[in-house]
Amino acid sequence: MFQPEEYPANAIISITGRANFANILWKSLKPEVERPSSSRSRILLDLQEETIRIMISASDVTALRSALNSYLRWVKSITDVLDKASNG
């Protein structure tokens, strides 16, 4: 469960698109959330229809920046793959 009070540095990324797009993002990012690479941050995904929220809580600003960069890169990669697949 996302509890920002556990850590002092917090961010929420909301991405809205077609319901299928949000669902694909959620399924693609879920393994990263289930097996975090660092104990310095915690991530929670929330999917509601056409919007996915990535909630990050970190022990410090450096850990928050690192987690944000990772998740934003993964979102960009997933988006690029989906764009290429839909455009043939």
PDB file of N, CA and C in Angstrom:
ATOM      1  N   MET A   1       0.841  -1.182   0.000  1.00  0.00           N
ATOM      2  CA  MET A   1       0.000   0.000   0.000  1.00  0.00           C
ATOM      3  C   MET A   1       0.886   1.245   0.000  1.00  0.00           C
ATOM      4  N   PHE A   2       0.487   2.233  -0.751  1.00  0.00           N
ATOM      5  CA  PHE A   2       1.234   3.484  -0.866  1.00  0.00           C
ATOM      6  C   PHE A   2       0.991   4.332   0.370  1.00  0.00           C
ATOM      7  N   GLN A   3       2.037   4.537   1.150  1.00  0.00           N
ATOM      8  CA  GLN A   3       1.940   5.357   2.346  1.00  0.00           C
ATOM      9  C   GLN A   3       3.068   6.379   2.321  1.00  0.00           C
ATOM     10  N   PRO A   4       2.797   7.571   1.757  1.00  0.00           N
ATOM     11  CA  PRO A   4       3.853   8.572   1.587  1.00  0.00           C
ATOM     12  C   PRO A   4       4.541   8.962   2.887  1.00  0.00           C
ATOM     13  N   GLU A   5       3.860   8.820   4.004  1.00  0.00           N
ATOM     14  CA  GLU A   5       4.479   9.221   5.269  1.00  0.00           C
ATOM     15  C   GLU A   5       5.680   8.342   5.634  1.00  0.00           C
ATOM     16  N   GLU A   6       5.804   7.169   4.998  1.00  0.00           N
ATOM     17  CA  GLU A   6       6.945   6.299   5.262  1.00  0.00           C
ATOM     18  C   GLU A   6       8.254   6.935   4.798  1.00  0.00           C
ATOM     19  N   TYR A   7       8.205   7.689   3.733  1.00  0.00           N
ATOM     20  CA  TYR A   7       9.378   8.307   3.146  1.00  0.00           C
ATOM     21  C   TYR A   7       9.096   9.782   2.880  1.00  0.00           C
ATOM     22  N   PRO A   8      10.132  10.625   2.966  1.00  0.00           N
ATOM     23  CA  PRO A   8       9.914  12.070   2.811  1.00  0.00           C
ATOM     24  C   PRO A   8       9.778  12.569   1.371  1.00  0.00           C
ATOM     25  N   ALA A   9      10.206  11.806   0.385  1.00  0.00           N
ATOM     26  CA  ALA A   9      10.173  12.261  -1.006  1.00  0.00           C
ATOM     27  C   ALA A   9       9.122  11.457  -1.771  1.00  0.00           C
ATOM     28  N   ASN A  10       8.154  12.158  -2.375  1.00  0.00           N
ATOM     29  CA  ASN A  10       7.033  11.483  -3.024  1.00  0.00           C
ATOM     30  C   ASN A  10       6.686  12.134  -4.356  1.00  0.00           C
ATOM     31  N   ALA A  11       6.176  11.311  -5.274  1.00  0.00           N
ATOM     32  CA  ALA A  11       5.717  11.816  -6.570  1.00  0.00           C
ATOM     33  C   ALA A  11       4.620  10.898  -7.094  1.00  0.00           C
ATOM     34  N   ILE A  12       3.736  11.480  -7.880  1.00  0.00           N
ATOM     35  CA  ILE A  12       2.688  10.705  -8.550  1.00  0.00           C
ATOM     36  C   ILE A  12       2.700  11.095 -10.018  1.00  0.00           C
ATOM     37  N   ILE A  13       2.786  10.088 -10.869  1.00  0.00           N
ATOM     38  CA  ILE A  13       2.711  10.289 -12.319  1.00  0.00           C
ATOM     39  C   ILE A  13       1.370   9.737 -12.770  1.00  0.00           C
ATOM     40  N   SER A  14       0.567  10.557 -13.438  1.00  0.00           N
ATOM     41  CA  SER A  14      -0.715  10.105 -13.992  1.00  0.00           C
ATOM     42  C   SER A  14      -0.625  10.136 -15.505  1.00  0.00           C
ATOM     43  N   ILE A  15      -0.991   9.026 -16.127  1.00  0.00           N
ATOM     44  CA  ILE A  15      -0.957   8.920 -17.584  1.00  0.00           C
ATOM     45  C   ILE A  15      -2.336   8.474 -18.042  1.00  0.00           C
ATOM     46  N   THR A  16      -2.934   9.269 -18.909  1.00  0.00           N
ATOM     47  CA  THR A  16      -4.263   8.959 -19.414  1.00  0.00           C
ATOM     48  C   THR A  16      -4.182   8.700 -20.915  1.00  0.00           C
ATOM     49  N   GLY A  17      -4.841   7.652 -21.322  1.00  0.00           N
ATOM     50  CA  GLY A  17      -4.911   7.282 -22.733  1.00  0.00           C
ATOM     51  C   GLY A  17      -6.096   6.366 -22.920  1.00  0.00           C
ATOM     52  N   ARG A  18      -6.134   5.680 -24.028  1.00  0.00           N
ATOM     53  CA  ARG A  18      -7.190   4.699 -24.217  1.00  0.00           C
ATOM     54  C   ARG A  18      -7.096   3.633 -23.142  1.00  0.00           C
ATOM     55  N   ALA A  19      -8.210   3.048 -22.777  1.00  0.00           N
ATOM     56  CA  ALA A  19      -8.230   2.038 -21.710  1.00  0.00           C
ATOM     57  C   ALA A  19      -7.251   0.912 -21.996  1.00  0.00           C
ATOM     58  N   ASN A  20      -7.167   0.476 -23.228  1.00  0.00           N
ATOM     59  CA  ASN A  20      -6.248  -0.597 -23.587  1.00  0.00           C
ATOM     60  C   ASN A  20      -4.798  -0.182 -23.333  1.00  0.00           C
ATOM     61  N   PHE A  21      -4.457   1.070 -23.653  1.00  0.00           N
ATOM     62  CA  PHE A  21      -3.097   1.577 -23.446  1.00  0.00           C
ATOM     63  C   PHE A  21      -2.746   1.576 -21.963  1.00  0.00           C
ATOM     64  N   ALA A  22      -3.634   2.079 -21.129  1.00  0.00           N
ATOM     65  CA  ALA A  22      -3.383   2.119 -19.685  1.00  0.00           C
ATOM     66  C   ALA A  22      -3.228   0.704 -19.130  1.00  0.00           C
ATOM     67  N   ASN A  23      -4.034  -0.222 -19.620  1.00  0.00           N
ATOM     68  CA  ASN A  23      -3.962  -1.609 -19.173  1.00  0.00           C
ATOM     69  C   ASN A  23      -2.626  -2.251 -19.573  1.00  0.00           C
ATOM     70  N   ILE A  24      -2.168  -1.978 -20.792  1.00  0.00           N
ATOM     71  CA  ILE A  24      -0.881  -2.511 -21.253  1.00  0.00           C
ATOM     72  C   ILE A  24       0.254  -1.947 -20.397  1.00  0.00           C
ATOM     73  N   LEU A  25       0.206  -0.651 -20.112  1.00  0.00           N
ATOM     74  CA  LEU A  25       1.230  -0.049 -19.254  1.00  0.00           C
ATOM     75  C   LEU A  25       1.237  -0.715 -17.882  1.00  0.00           C
ATOM     76  N   TRP A  26       0.065  -0.894 -17.311  1.00  0.00           N
ATOM     77  CA  TRP A  26      -0.044  -1.502 -15.983  1.00  0.00           C
ATOM     78  C   TRP A  26       0.549  -2.909 -15.977  1.00  0.00           C
ATOM     79  N   LYS A  27       0.182  -3.717 -16.967  1.00  0.00           N
ATOM     80  CA  LYS A  27       0.703  -5.091 -17.039  1.00  0.00           C
ATOM     81  C   LYS A  27       2.210  -5.107 -17.278  1.00  0.00           C
ATOM     82  N   SER A  28       2.705  -4.161 -18.038  1.00  0.00           N
ATOM     83  CA  SER A  28       4.141  -4.112 -18.339  1.00  0.00           C
ATOM     84  C   SER A  28       4.978  -3.647 -17.151  1.00  0.00           C
ATOM     85  N   LEU A  29       4.442  -2.732 -16.365  1.00  0.00           N
ATOM     86  CA  LEU A  29       5.190  -2.179 -15.240  1.00  0.00           C
ATOM     87  C   LEU A  29       5.047  -3.001 -13.955  1.00  0.00           C
ATOM     88  N   LYS A  30       4.003  -3.791 -13.877  1.00  0.00           N
ATOM     89  CA  LYS A  30       3.736  -4.553 -12.653  1.00  0.00           C
ATOM     90  C   LYS A  30       4.914  -5.419 -12.193  1.00  0.00           C
ATOM     91  N   PRO A  31       5.618  -6.141 -13.083  1.00  0.00           N
ATOM     92  CA  PRO A  31       6.768  -6.941 -12.619  1.00  0.00           C
ATOM     93  C   PRO A  31       7.859  -6.090 -11.959  1.00  0.00           C
ATOM     94  N   GLU A  32       8.045  -4.863 -12.434  1.00  0.00           N
ATOM     95  CA  GLU A  32       9.044  -3.973 -11.835  1.00  0.00           C
ATOM     96  C   GLU A  32       8.643  -3.580 -10.416  1.00  0.00           C
ATOM     97  N   VAL A  33       7.349  -3.401 -10.210  1.00  0.00           N
ATOM     98  CA  VAL A  33       6.847  -3.037  -8.883  1.00  0.00           C
ATOM     99  C   VAL A  33       6.951  -4.221  -7.927  1.00  0.00           C
ATOM    100  N   GLU A  34       6.674  -5.412  -8.440  1.00  0.00           N
ATOM    101  CA  GLU A  34       6.701  -6.608  -7.594  1.00  0.00           C
ATOM    102  C   GLU A  34       8.116  -7.003  -7.174  1.00  0.00           C
ATOM    103  N   ARG A  35       9.105  -6.653  -7.991  1.00  0.00           N
ATOM    104  CA  ARG A  35      10.502  -6.970  -7.676  1.00  0.00           C
ATOM    105  C   ARG A  35      11.351  -5.704  -7.766  1.00  0.00           C
ATOM    106  N   PRO A  36      11.221  -4.826  -6.784  1.00  0.00           N
ATOM    107  CA  PRO A  36      11.963  -3.553  -6.863  1.00  0.00           C
ATOM    108  C   PRO A  36      13.474  -3.764  -6.821  1.00  0.00           C
ATOM    109  N   SER A  37      14.181  -2.905  -7.521  1.00  0.00           N
ATOM    110  CA  SER A  37      15.634  -3.011  -7.574  1.00  0.00           C
ATOM    111  C   SER A  37      16.306  -2.304  -6.404  1.00  0.00           C
ATOM    112  N   SER A  38      15.531  -1.543  -5.642  1.00  0.00           N
ATOM    113  CA  SER A  38      16.098  -0.797  -4.520  1.00  0.00           C
ATOM    114  C   SER A  38      15.132  -0.792  -3.345  1.00  0.00           C
ATOM    115  N   SER A  39      15.677  -0.808  -2.159  1.00  0.00           N
ATOM    116  CA  SER A  39      14.839  -0.711  -0.961  1.00  0.00           C
ATOM    117  C   SER A  39      14.642   0.749  -0.560  1.00  0.00           C
ATOM    118  N   ARG A  40      15.224   1.657  -1.333  1.00  0.00           N
ATOM    119  CA  ARG A  40      15.135   3.085  -1.016  1.00  0.00           C
ATOM    120  C   ARG A  40      13.874   3.734  -1.547  1.00  0.00           C
ATOM    121  N   SER A  41      13.085   2.998  -2.320  1.00  0.00           N
ATOM    122  CA  SER A  41      11.831   3.559  -2.830  1.00  0.00           C
ATOM    123  C   SER A  41      10.766   2.470  -2.908  1.00  0.00           C
ATOM    124  N   ARG A  42       9.528   2.921  -2.848  1.00  0.00           N
ATOM    125  CA  ARG A  42       8.386   2.017  -2.993  1.00  0.00           C
ATOM    126  C   ARG A  42       7.474   2.588  -4.063  1.00  0.00           C
ATOM    127  N   ILE A  43       6.919   1.687  -4.849  1.00  0.00           N
ATOM    128  CA  ILE A  43       6.077   2.102  -5.957  1.00  0.00           C
ATOM    129  C   ILE A  43       4.751   1.375  -5.878  1.00  0.00           C
ATOM    130  N   LEU A  44       3.689   2.086  -6.208  1.00  0.00           N
ATOM    131  CA  LEU A  44       2.359   1.499  -6.288  1.00  0.00           C
ATOM    132  C   LEU A  44       1.753   1.931  -7.616  1.00  0.00           C
ATOM    133  N   LEU A  45       1.138   0.984  -8.304  1.00  0.00           N
ATOM    134  CA  LEU A  45       0.421   1.288  -9.538  1.00  0.00           C
ATOM    135  C   LEU A  45      -1.069   1.266  -9.256  1.00  0.00           C
ATOM    136  N   ASP A  46      -1.776   2.200  -9.862  1.00  0.00           N
ATOM    137  CA  ASP A  46      -3.227   2.259  -9.738  1.00  0.00           C
ATOM    138  C   ASP A  46      -3.800   2.424 -11.142  1.00  0.00           C
ATOM    139  N   LEU A  47      -4.689   1.538 -11.521  1.00  0.00           N
ATOM    140  CA  LEU A  47      -5.314   1.581 -12.845  1.00  0.00           C
ATOM    141  C   LEU A  47      -6.794   1.823 -12.683  1.00  0.00           C
ATOM    142  N   GLN A  48      -7.278   2.886 -13.294  1.00  0.00           N
ATOM    143  CA  GLN A  48      -8.701   3.191 -13.276  1.00  0.00           C
ATOM    144  C   GLN A  48      -9.120   3.615 -14.676  1.00  0.00           C
ATOM    145  N   GLU A  49      -9.781   2.697 -15.356  1.00  0.00           N
ATOM    146  CA  GLU A  49     -10.260   2.888 -16.724  1.00  0.00           C
ATOM    147  C   GLU A  49      -9.142   3.330 -17.655  1.00  0.00           C
ATOM    148  N   GLU A  50      -9.083   4.603 -18.004  1.00  0.00           N
ATOM    149  CA  GLU A  50      -8.124   5.095 -18.989  1.00  0.00           C
ATOM    150  C   GLU A  50      -6.890   5.744 -18.364  1.00  0.00           C
ATOM    151  N   THR A  51      -6.765   5.669 -17.046  1.00  0.00           N
ATOM    152  CA  THR A  51      -5.662   6.338 -16.359  1.00  0.00           C
ATOM    153  C   THR A  51      -4.878   5.364 -15.491  1.00  0.00           C
ATOM    154  N   ILE A  52      -3.569   5.431 -15.629  1.00  0.00           N
ATOM    155  CA  ILE A  52      -2.685   4.689 -14.736  1.00  0.00           C
ATOM    156  C   ILE A  52      -1.933   5.723 -13.910  1.00  0.00           C
ATOM    157  N   ARG A  53      -1.827   5.456 -12.624  1.00  0.00           N
ATOM    158  CA  ARG A  53      -1.058   6.324 -11.738  1.00  0.00           C
ATOM    159  C   ARG A  53       0.117   5.516 -11.187  1.00  0.00           C
ATOM    160  N   ILE A  54       1.281   6.132 -11.261  1.00  0.00           N
ATOM    161  CA  ILE A  54       2.491   5.537 -10.700  1.00  0.00           C
ATOM    162  C   ILE A  54       2.847   6.396  -9.489  1.00  0.00           C
ATOM    163  N   MET A  55       2.722   5.818  -8.302  1.00  0.00           N
ATOM    164  CA  MET A  55       2.979   6.554  -7.067  1.00  0.00           C
ATOM    165  C   MET A  55       4.306   6.087  -6.493  1.00  0.00           C
ATOM    166  N   ILE A  56       5.203   7.034  -6.314  1.00  0.00           N
ATOM    167  CA  ILE A  56       6.552   6.717  -5.854  1.00  0.00           C
ATOM    168  C   ILE A  56       6.801   7.412  -4.521  1.00  0.00           C
ATOM    169  N   SER A  57       7.290   6.652  -3.575  1.00  0.00           N
ATOM    170  CA  SER A  57       7.677   7.165  -2.268  1.00  0.00           C
ATOM    171  C   SER A  57       9.120   6.733  -2.038  1.00  0.00           C
ATOM    172  N   ALA A  58       9.998   7.699  -1.727  1.00  0.00           N
ATOM    173  CA  ALA A  58      11.420   7.382  -1.628  1.00  0.00           C
ATOM    174  C   ALA A  58      12.041   7.953  -0.356  1.00  0.00           C
ATOM    175  N   SER A  59      13.160   7.350   0.014  1.00  0.00           N
ATOM    176  CA  SER A  59      13.838   7.746   1.245  1.00  0.00           C
ATOM    177  C   SER A  59      14.531   9.103   1.141  1.00  0.00           C
ATOM    178  N   ASP A  60      14.839   9.534  -0.085  1.00  0.00           N
ATOM    179  CA  ASP A  60      15.483  10.835  -0.291  1.00  0.00           C
ATOM    180  C   ASP A  60      15.256  11.269  -1.735  1.00  0.00           C
ATOM    181  N   VAL A  61      15.627  12.493  -2.029  1.00  0.00           N
ATOM    182  CA  VAL A  61      15.392  13.058  -3.357  1.00  0.00           C
ATOM    183  C   VAL A  61      16.173  12.308  -4.433  1.00  0.00           C
ATOM    184  N   THR A  62      17.361  11.855  -4.120  1.00  0.00           N
ATOM    185  CA  THR A  62      18.162  11.112  -5.096  1.00  0.00           C
ATOM    186  C   THR A  62      17.474   9.801  -5.473  1.00  0.00           C
ATOM    187  N   ALA A  63      16.955   9.090  -4.490  1.00  0.00           N
ATOM    188  CA  ALA A  63      16.240   7.835  -4.760  1.00  0.00           C
ATOM    189  C   ALA A  63      14.949   8.112  -5.528  1.00  0.00           C
ATOM    190  N   LEU A  64      14.275   9.212  -5.210  1.00  0.00           N
ATOM    191  CA  LEU A  64      13.053   9.578  -5.936  1.00  0.00           C
ATOM    192  C   LEU A  64      13.373   9.868  -7.402  1.00  0.00           C
ATOM    193  N   ARG A  65      14.416  10.641  -7.640  1.00  0.00           N
ATOM    194  CA  ARG A  65      14.814  10.964  -9.023  1.00  0.00           C
ATOM    195  C   ARG A  65      15.162   9.697  -9.790  1.00  0.00           C
ATOM    196  N   SER A  66      15.876   8.802  -9.156  1.00  0.00           N
ATOM    197  CA  SER A  66      16.258   7.549  -9.804  1.00  0.00           C
ATOM    198  C   SER A  66      15.027   6.721 -10.177  1.00  0.00           C
ATOM    199  N   ALA A  67      14.098   6.585  -9.254  1.00  0.00           N
ATOM    200  CA  ALA A  67      12.879   5.821  -9.529  1.00  0.00           C
ATOM    201  C   ALA A  67      12.044   6.501 -10.616  1.00  0.00           C
ATOM    202  N   LEU A  68      11.905   7.819 -10.531  1.00  0.00           N
ATOM    203  CA  LEU A  68      11.158   8.556 -11.563  1.00  0.00           C
ATOM    204  C   LEU A  68      11.773   8.339 -12.937  1.00  0.00           C
ATOM    205  N   ASN A  69      13.082   8.489 -13.033  1.00  0.00           N
ATOM    206  CA  ASN A  69      13.768   8.297 -14.316  1.00  0.00           C
ATOM    207  C   ASN A  69      13.539   6.888 -14.855  1.00  0.00           C
ATOM    208  N   SER A  70      13.642   5.896 -13.997  1.00  0.00           N
ATOM    209  CA  SER A  70      13.438   4.510 -14.435  1.00  0.00           C
ATOM    210  C   SER A  70      12.037   4.302 -14.976  1.00  0.00           C
ATOM    211  N   TYR A  71      11.039   4.706 -14.218  1.00  0.00           N
ATOM    212  CA  TYR A  71       9.662   4.472 -14.645  1.00  0.00           C
ATOM    213  C   TYR A  71       9.300   5.288 -15.878  1.00  0.00           C
ATOM    214  N   LEU A  72       9.785   6.518 -15.965  1.00  0.00           N
ATOM    215  CA  LEU A  72       9.507   7.318 -17.164  1.00  0.00           C
ATOM    216  C   LEU A  72      10.175   6.714 -18.401  1.00  0.00           C
ATOM    217  N   ARG A  73      11.381   6.169 -18.244  1.00  0.00           N
ATOM    218  CA  ARG A  73      12.044   5.497 -19.377  1.00  0.00           C
ATOM    219  C   ARG A  73      11.267   4.254 -19.800  1.00  0.00           C
ATOM    220  N   TRP A  74      10.785   3.480 -18.823  1.00  0.00           N
ATOM    221  CA  TRP A  74      10.008   2.287 -19.167  1.00  0.00           C
ATOM    222  C   TRP A  74       8.715   2.668 -19.876  1.00  0.00           C
ATOM    223  N   VAL A  75       8.053   3.707 -19.402  1.00  0.00           N
ATOM    224  CA  VAL A  75       6.822   4.162 -20.062  1.00  0.00           C
ATOM    225  C   VAL A  75       7.132   4.592 -21.494  1.00  0.00           C
ATOM    226  N   LYS A  76       8.220   5.333 -21.673  1.00  0.00           N
ATOM    227  CA  LYS A  76       8.603   5.772 -23.026  1.00  0.00           C
ATOM    228  C   LYS A  76       8.903   4.572 -23.916  1.00  0.00           C
ATOM    229  N   SER A  77       9.618   3.593 -23.410  1.00  0.00           N
ATOM    230  CA  SER A  77       9.944   2.396 -24.200  1.00  0.00           C
ATOM    231  C   SER A  77       8.682   1.637 -24.591  1.00  0.00           C
ATOM    232  N   ILE A  78       7.788   1.457 -23.649  1.00  0.00           N
ATOM    233  CA  ILE A  78       6.528   0.751 -23.926  1.00  0.00           C
ATOM    234  C   ILE A  78       5.719   1.510 -24.969  1.00  0.00           C
ATOM    235  N   THR A  79       5.664   2.827 -24.828  1.00  0.00           N
ATOM    236  CA  THR A  79       4.932   3.665 -25.786  1.00  0.00           C
ATOM    237  C   THR A  79       5.544   3.559 -27.176  1.00  0.00           C
ATOM    238  N   ASP A  80       6.867   3.581 -27.256  1.00  0.00           N
ATOM    239  CA  ASP A  80       7.547   3.451 -28.553  1.00  0.00           C
ATOM    240  C   ASP A  80       7.227   2.115 -29.216  1.00  0.00           C
ATOM    241  N   VAL A  81       7.247   1.037 -28.446  1.00  0.00           N
ATOM    242  CA  VAL A  81       6.942  -0.281 -28.984  1.00  0.00           C
ATOM    243  C   VAL A  81       5.499  -0.328 -29.487  1.00  0.00           C
ATOM    244  N   LEU A  82       4.578   0.198 -28.714  1.00  0.00           N
ATOM    245  CA  LEU A  82       3.165   0.198 -29.115  1.00  0.00           C
ATOM    246  C   LEU A  82       2.939   1.029 -30.381  1.00  0.00           C
ATOM    247  N   ASP A  83       3.637   2.187 -30.469  1.00  0.00           N
ATOM    248  CA  ASP A  83       3.521   3.033 -31.666  1.00  0.00           C
ATOM    249  C   ASP A  83       4.037   2.282 -32.900  1.00  0.00           C
ATOM    250  N   LYS A  84       5.187   1.632 -32.769  1.00  0.00           N
ATOM    251  CA  LYS A  84       5.751   0.893 -33.908  1.00  0.00           C
ATOM    252  C   LYS A  84       4.843  -0.279 -34.302  1.00  0.00           C
ATOM    253  N   ALA A  85       4.290  -0.962 -33.314  1.00  0.00           N
ATOM    254  CA  ALA A  85       3.408  -2.105 -33.603  1.00  0.00           C
ATOM    255  C   ALA A  85       2.128  -1.661 -34.307  1.00  0.00           C
ATOM    256  N   SER A  86       1.591  -0.503 -33.923  1.00  0.00           N
ATOM    257  CA  SER A  86       0.346  -0.050 -34.539  1.00  0.00           C
ATOM    258  C   SER A  86       0.565   0.566 -35.918  1.00  0.00           C
ATOM    259  N   ASN A  87       1.797   1.052 -36.177  1.00  0.00           N
ATOM    260  CA  ASN A  87       2.097   1.670 -37.478  1.00  0.00           C
ATOM    261  C   ASN A  87       2.751   0.698 -38.452  1.00  0.00           C
ATOM    262  N   GLY A  88       2.971  -0.521 -37.998  1.00  0.00           N
ATOM    263  CA  GLY A  88       3.518  -1.566 -38.867  1.00  0.00           C
ATOM    264  C   GLY A  88       4.943  -1.366 -39.132  1.00  0.00           C
TER     265      GLY A  88
END
